[in-house]
Amino acid sequence: MFGKIAKWFVLCIAASAVGGTQVPEQDLQTLLRLKIGNYWVYRGTVEWTYPSGPEEDAKSARTRFGKKHITWKSEIIEEVTRGEVKALLVQGSIFDLPWYEPGTKPEQYLWVIYRNRFYSIGAKPEILARFHDPKDSLTTLIIAEEPVLQFPLRLNKCTVEVKPEEPRERDDLRYCWFLESKSGKDLSSVGLPPNAVDVWTACYQTIPSHEVLGFAPTIGFVSFDFSHHGTLAEAHVKLVEAHLQ
């Protein structure tokens, strides 16, 4: 089990000019540590805005915002393989944290590997039913989603296009997941070998908000940051514990 990680997390900045950097193609299940029983624990802060009422005045407006230190766990609890699709049911995710508000509970997600791509999909009841249906190949579920990561990892490239009926018309890096940077981190203090570990920064930038996901191959997701550019909504967490088989 890895202990507490040193004080660091990656923030998204302007895209780097090094577009061809990549890592060799490897077994994605190993790179992402996708195995039943594996879990990751994150710690950090969330901030939110309370809904305003019709009788709000200047005094109440000053108390409409909240902030909290949180601990959040993500654990793989079930998996299925359907042809080229491997899907894992996960309890809790860092993707619960955007738009956090008091009472938010960990939700279930499907983490999916399809060919050379990784997806994270909210497991609504109808999707859970498909996950548990052995006759469902799940491929139609995948092609309607945008992958978070595409392997081999390359900087400054949008992941595979989403929804064939809605072709991407933008020529920039907004409204798509892309890898913005890679940096070496020495995590020997948490039980890893004393050599540097590569941490890749995946970003999703829109006009109203941005998300930043730190990913270390063979360890998993090590940080997450979300910021809304208007109404206060923030989430900033980093990995503090991991149980990896």
Protein backbone atom coordinates (compact mmCIF):
# COMPACT_ATOMS: atom_id res chain seq x y z
CA MET A 1 0.00 0.00 0.00
CA PHE A 2 1.34 3.40 -0.88
CA GLY A 3 1.32 6.03 1.86
CA LYS A 4 0.76 9.74 1.71
CA ILE A 5 2.12 11.42 -1.38
CA ALA A 6 4.30 14.52 -1.13
CA LYS A 7 2.84 17.99 -1.68
CA TRP A 8 2.30 18.12 -5.38
CA PHE A 9 -0.37 18.07 -8.00
CA VAL A 10 -0.34 19.07 -11.65
CA LEU A 11 -2.22 22.12 -12.90
CA CYS A 12 -3.25 22.60 -16.51
CA ILE A 13 -1.50 25.42 -18.38
CA ALA A 14 -1.14 26.34 -22.04
CA ALA A 15 -0.47 23.38 -24.33
CA SER A 16 3.14 22.36 -24.82
CA ALA A 17 4.68 22.49 -28.27
CA VAL A 18 6.06 18.94 -28.07
CA GLY A 19 3.39 17.08 -30.02
CA GLY A 20 5.05 13.74 -30.78
CA THR A 21 6.03 12.51 -27.31
CA GLN A 22 4.59 9.08 -26.58
CA VAL A 23 5.01 5.92 -24.53
CA PRO A 24 5.25 2.43 -25.99
CA GLU A 25 2.03 0.48 -26.33
CA GLN A 26 1.56 -1.76 -23.29
CA ASP A 27 -1.14 -3.82 -21.66
CA LEU A 28 -3.74 -1.21 -20.71
CA GLN A 29 -5.05 -3.23 -17.80
CA THR A 30 -1.57 -3.12 -16.26
CA LEU A 31 -1.01 0.56 -17.07
CA LEU A 32 -4.32 1.50 -15.42
CA ARG A 33 -4.12 -1.13 -12.61
CA LEU A 34 -7.57 -2.39 -13.44
CA LYS A 35 -8.23 -5.33 -11.13
CA ILE A 36 -11.05 -6.15 -8.74
CA GLY A 37 -10.13 -5.05 -5.23
CA ASN A 38 -7.77 -2.27 -6.25
CA TYR A 39 -8.63 1.09 -4.74
CA TRP A 40 -7.35 4.64 -4.58
CA VAL A 41 -7.96 7.22 -1.82
CA TYR A 42 -7.83 10.95 -2.54
CA ARG A 43 -7.75 13.94 -0.25
CA GLY A 44 -8.26 17.63 -0.88
CA THR A 45 -10.89 20.38 -0.94
CA VAL A 46 -14.17 21.12 -2.66
CA GLU A 47 -16.03 24.44 -2.87
CA TRP A 48 -19.59 25.12 -3.91
CA THR A 49 -22.31 27.73 -4.18
CA TYR A 50 -25.57 27.26 -2.30
CA PRO A 51 -28.72 27.79 -4.40
CA SER A 52 -30.06 31.30 -4.00
CA GLY A 53 -33.60 31.87 -2.79
CA PRO A 54 -36.10 34.50 -3.92
CA GLU A 55 -35.63 36.54 -0.74
CA GLU A 56 -31.86 36.56 -0.70
CA ASP A 57 -30.34 39.79 0.61
CA ALA A 58 -26.83 41.16 0.83
CA LYS A 59 -26.15 39.52 4.19
CA SER A 60 -27.20 36.03 3.12
CA ALA A 61 -25.24 36.39 -0.11
CA ARG A 62 -22.04 36.49 1.91
CA THR A 63 -22.80 33.01 3.31
CA ARG A 64 -23.85 31.32 0.08
CA PHE A 65 -20.48 29.68 -0.48
CA GLY A 66 -19.09 26.56 1.18
CA LYS A 67 -15.74 24.81 1.39
CA LYS A 68 -14.85 21.39 2.78
CA HIS A 69 -11.85 19.10 3.18
CA ILE A 70 -12.79 15.67 1.84
CA THR A 71 -11.50 12.13 1.52
CA TRP A 72 -12.80 10.22 -1.51
CA LYS A 73 -12.32 6.55 -2.39
CA SER A 74 -12.50 4.82 -5.76
CA GLU A 75 -12.65 0.99 -5.76
CA ILE A 76 -13.04 -1.61 -8.51
CA ILE A 77 -15.75 -4.07 -7.44
CA GLU A 78 -16.72 -6.10 -10.52
CA GLU A 79 -15.61 -6.76 -14.11
CA VAL A 80 -16.80 -8.35 -17.34
CA THR A 81 -15.21 -9.07 -20.70
CA ARG A 82 -17.28 -8.93 -23.90
CA GLY A 83 -15.14 -9.54 -26.95
CA GLU A 84 -12.86 -6.51 -27.34
CA VAL A 85 -14.54 -4.70 -24.45
CA LYS A 86 -13.41 -5.02 -20.84
CA ALA A 87 -15.67 -3.15 -18.41
CA LEU A 88 -15.10 -2.69 -14.69
CA LEU A 89 -17.67 -1.48 -12.20
CA VAL A 90 -16.20 1.15 -9.87
CA GLN A 91 -17.64 2.51 -6.65
CA GLY A 92 -16.75 6.17 -6.29
CA SER A 93 -14.71 8.31 -8.63
CA ILE A 94 -12.92 11.64 -8.77
CA PHE A 95 -15.49 12.47 -11.45
CA ASP A 96 -18.05 12.70 -8.63
CA LEU A 97 -16.39 15.90 -7.46
CA PRO A 98 -17.20 18.55 -10.10
CA TRP A 99 -20.25 20.45 -8.85
CA TYR A 100 -19.92 18.85 -5.41
CA GLU A 101 -22.45 20.06 -2.85
CA PRO A 102 -23.33 18.91 0.69
CA GLY A 103 -24.86 15.45 0.56
CA THR A 104 -22.98 14.31 -2.54
CA LYS A 105 -22.33 10.55 -2.32
CA PRO A 106 -19.93 8.33 -4.28
CA GLU A 107 -21.60 7.10 -7.46
CA GLN A 108 -20.91 4.03 -9.59
CA TYR A 109 -19.03 4.19 -12.88
CA LEU A 110 -17.93 1.87 -15.64
CA TRP A 111 -14.27 2.03 -16.48
CA VAL A 112 -13.93 0.56 -19.94
CA ILE A 113 -11.02 -0.54 -22.11
CA TYR A 114 -11.83 -0.83 -25.79
CA ARG A 115 -8.94 -1.44 -28.16
CA ASN A 116 -6.40 1.26 -27.24
CA ARG A 117 -8.75 3.60 -25.35
CA PHE A 118 -9.95 4.15 -21.80
CA TYR A 119 -13.43 5.45 -20.97
CA SER A 120 -15.19 6.48 -17.75
CA ILE A 121 -18.99 6.28 -17.95
CA GLY A 122 -21.55 7.06 -15.24
CA ALA A 123 -23.34 3.81 -14.36
CA LYS A 124 -26.98 4.84 -14.47
CA PRO A 125 -29.51 2.02 -13.89
CA GLU A 126 -29.97 1.36 -17.61
CA ILE A 127 -26.20 1.15 -18.11
CA LEU A 128 -25.82 -1.17 -15.13
CA ALA A 129 -28.46 -3.42 -16.67
CA ARG A 130 -26.40 -3.59 -19.85
CA PHE A 131 -23.24 -4.31 -17.84
CA HIS A 132 -24.97 -7.30 -16.22
CA ASP A 133 -26.51 -8.58 -19.47
CA PRO A 134 -24.13 -11.24 -20.88
CA LYS A 135 -25.69 -10.83 -24.33
CA ASP A 136 -24.81 -7.13 -24.54
CA SER A 137 -21.47 -6.53 -26.29
CA LEU A 138 -21.36 -2.96 -24.85
CA THR A 139 -19.76 -1.66 -28.07
CA THR A 140 -22.68 0.65 -28.86
CA LEU A 141 -22.24 2.11 -25.38
CA ILE A 142 -18.60 2.92 -26.14
CA ILE A 143 -19.00 4.58 -29.54
CA ALA A 144 -21.36 7.14 -28.00
CA GLU A 145 -18.67 8.29 -25.55
CA GLU A 146 -15.37 10.17 -25.68
CA PRO A 147 -12.31 8.33 -24.34
CA VAL A 148 -10.38 9.99 -21.53
CA LEU A 149 -7.09 8.39 -22.56
CA GLN A 150 -5.83 6.95 -25.82
CA PHE A 151 -2.73 4.78 -26.05
CA PRO A 152 0.09 5.06 -26.86
CA LEU A 153 0.08 8.33 -24.94
CA ARG A 154 0.86 11.40 -27.05
CA LEU A 155 0.97 15.08 -26.15
CA ASN A 156 -1.37 17.67 -27.63
CA LYS A 157 -3.67 15.32 -29.51
CA CYS A 158 -7.42 15.06 -28.90
CA THR A 159 -8.60 11.56 -28.10
CA VAL A 160 -10.69 9.69 -30.66
CA GLU A 161 -13.63 11.61 -32.08
CA VAL A 162 -16.99 11.19 -30.36
CA LYS A 163 -20.38 10.33 -31.80
CA PRO A 164 -19.94 9.73 -35.55
CA GLU A 165 -23.22 11.55 -36.14
CA GLU A 166 -21.65 14.67 -34.56
CA PRO A 167 -18.21 15.02 -36.21
CA ARG A 168 -15.75 17.33 -34.51
CA GLU A 169 -15.43 20.62 -36.35
CA ARG A 170 -12.99 22.40 -34.03
CA ASP A 171 -9.28 22.56 -34.83
CA ASP A 172 -8.17 23.49 -31.29
CA LEU A 173 -7.84 21.52 -28.06
CA ARG A 174 -11.05 22.71 -26.43
CA TYR A 175 -13.95 20.37 -25.74
CA CYS A 176 -11.86 17.22 -25.90
CA TRP A 177 -9.55 15.27 -23.61
CA PHE A 178 -5.89 15.75 -24.49
CA LEU A 179 -2.52 15.22 -22.81
CA GLU A 180 -0.98 18.58 -22.02
CA SER A 181 2.33 17.66 -20.37
CA LYS A 182 4.52 14.94 -18.88
CA SER A 183 6.88 15.32 -15.93
CA GLY A 184 9.00 13.03 -13.79
CA LYS A 185 8.16 12.66 -10.11
CA ASP A 186 10.21 10.87 -7.47
CA LEU A 187 7.70 8.96 -5.35
CA SER A 188 10.23 6.81 -3.49
CA SER A 189 8.95 8.24 -0.21
CA VAL A 190 5.71 6.32 -0.72
CA GLY A 191 7.31 2.96 -1.41
CA LEU A 192 8.02 3.17 -5.13
CA PRO A 193 11.49 2.57 -6.66
CA PRO A 194 13.82 5.59 -6.30
CA ASN A 195 13.68 6.44 -10.01
CA ALA A 196 11.36 9.10 -11.42
CA VAL A 197 7.78 8.14 -12.30
CA ASP A 198 6.17 9.75 -15.35
CA VAL A 199 3.01 11.70 -14.55
CA TRP A 200 0.91 12.77 -17.53
CA THR A 201 -1.54 15.65 -17.34
CA ALA A 202 -4.83 15.11 -19.18
CA CYS A 203 -6.99 18.21 -19.66
CA TYR A 204 -10.53 18.96 -20.72
CA GLN A 205 -11.01 22.67 -21.36
CA THR A 206 -14.24 24.47 -22.17
CA ILE A 207 -15.18 28.13 -22.07
CA PRO A 208 -16.98 27.85 -18.68
CA SER A 209 -14.71 25.31 -16.93
CA HIS A 210 -11.65 23.09 -17.05
CA GLU A 211 -10.66 19.68 -15.65
CA VAL A 212 -7.14 18.37 -15.07
CA LEU A 213 -6.39 14.70 -14.46
CA GLY A 214 -2.97 13.46 -13.35
CA PHE A 215 -2.17 9.93 -14.55
CA ALA A 216 0.87 7.79 -13.72
CA PRO A 217 1.18 4.56 -15.75
CA THR A 218 1.12 1.42 -13.53
CA ILE A 219 -0.19 3.51 -10.59
CA GLY A 220 -3.41 5.06 -11.89
CA PHE A 221 -4.93 8.49 -11.41
CA VAL A 222 -2.93 10.56 -8.94
CA SER A 223 -4.68 13.94 -8.95
CA PHE A 224 -7.79 15.75 -10.12
CA ASP A 225 -8.63 19.44 -10.40
CA PHE A 226 -11.86 21.08 -11.52
CA SER A 227 -12.59 24.78 -11.76
CA HIS A 228 -15.67 26.60 -12.99
CA HIS A 229 -14.97 30.06 -14.38
CA GLY A 230 -18.24 31.60 -13.21
CA THR A 231 -20.36 30.39 -10.28
CA LEU A 232 -18.04 29.03 -7.59
CA ALA A 233 -17.45 25.29 -8.07
CA GLU A 234 -14.01 23.86 -7.32
CA ALA A 235 -12.48 20.45 -6.60
CA HIS A 236 -8.79 19.79 -5.97
CA VAL A 237 -7.65 16.37 -4.73
CA LYS A 238 -4.55 14.20 -4.88
CA LEU A 239 -3.81 10.56 -4.21
CA VAL A 240 -2.83 9.78 -0.63
CA GLU A 241 -3.28 6.00 -0.53
CA ALA A 242 -3.47 3.16 -3.04
CA HIS A 243 -4.03 -0.58 -2.68
CA LEU A 244 -2.75 -2.19 -5.88
CA GLN A 245 -2.52 -5.89 -6.62
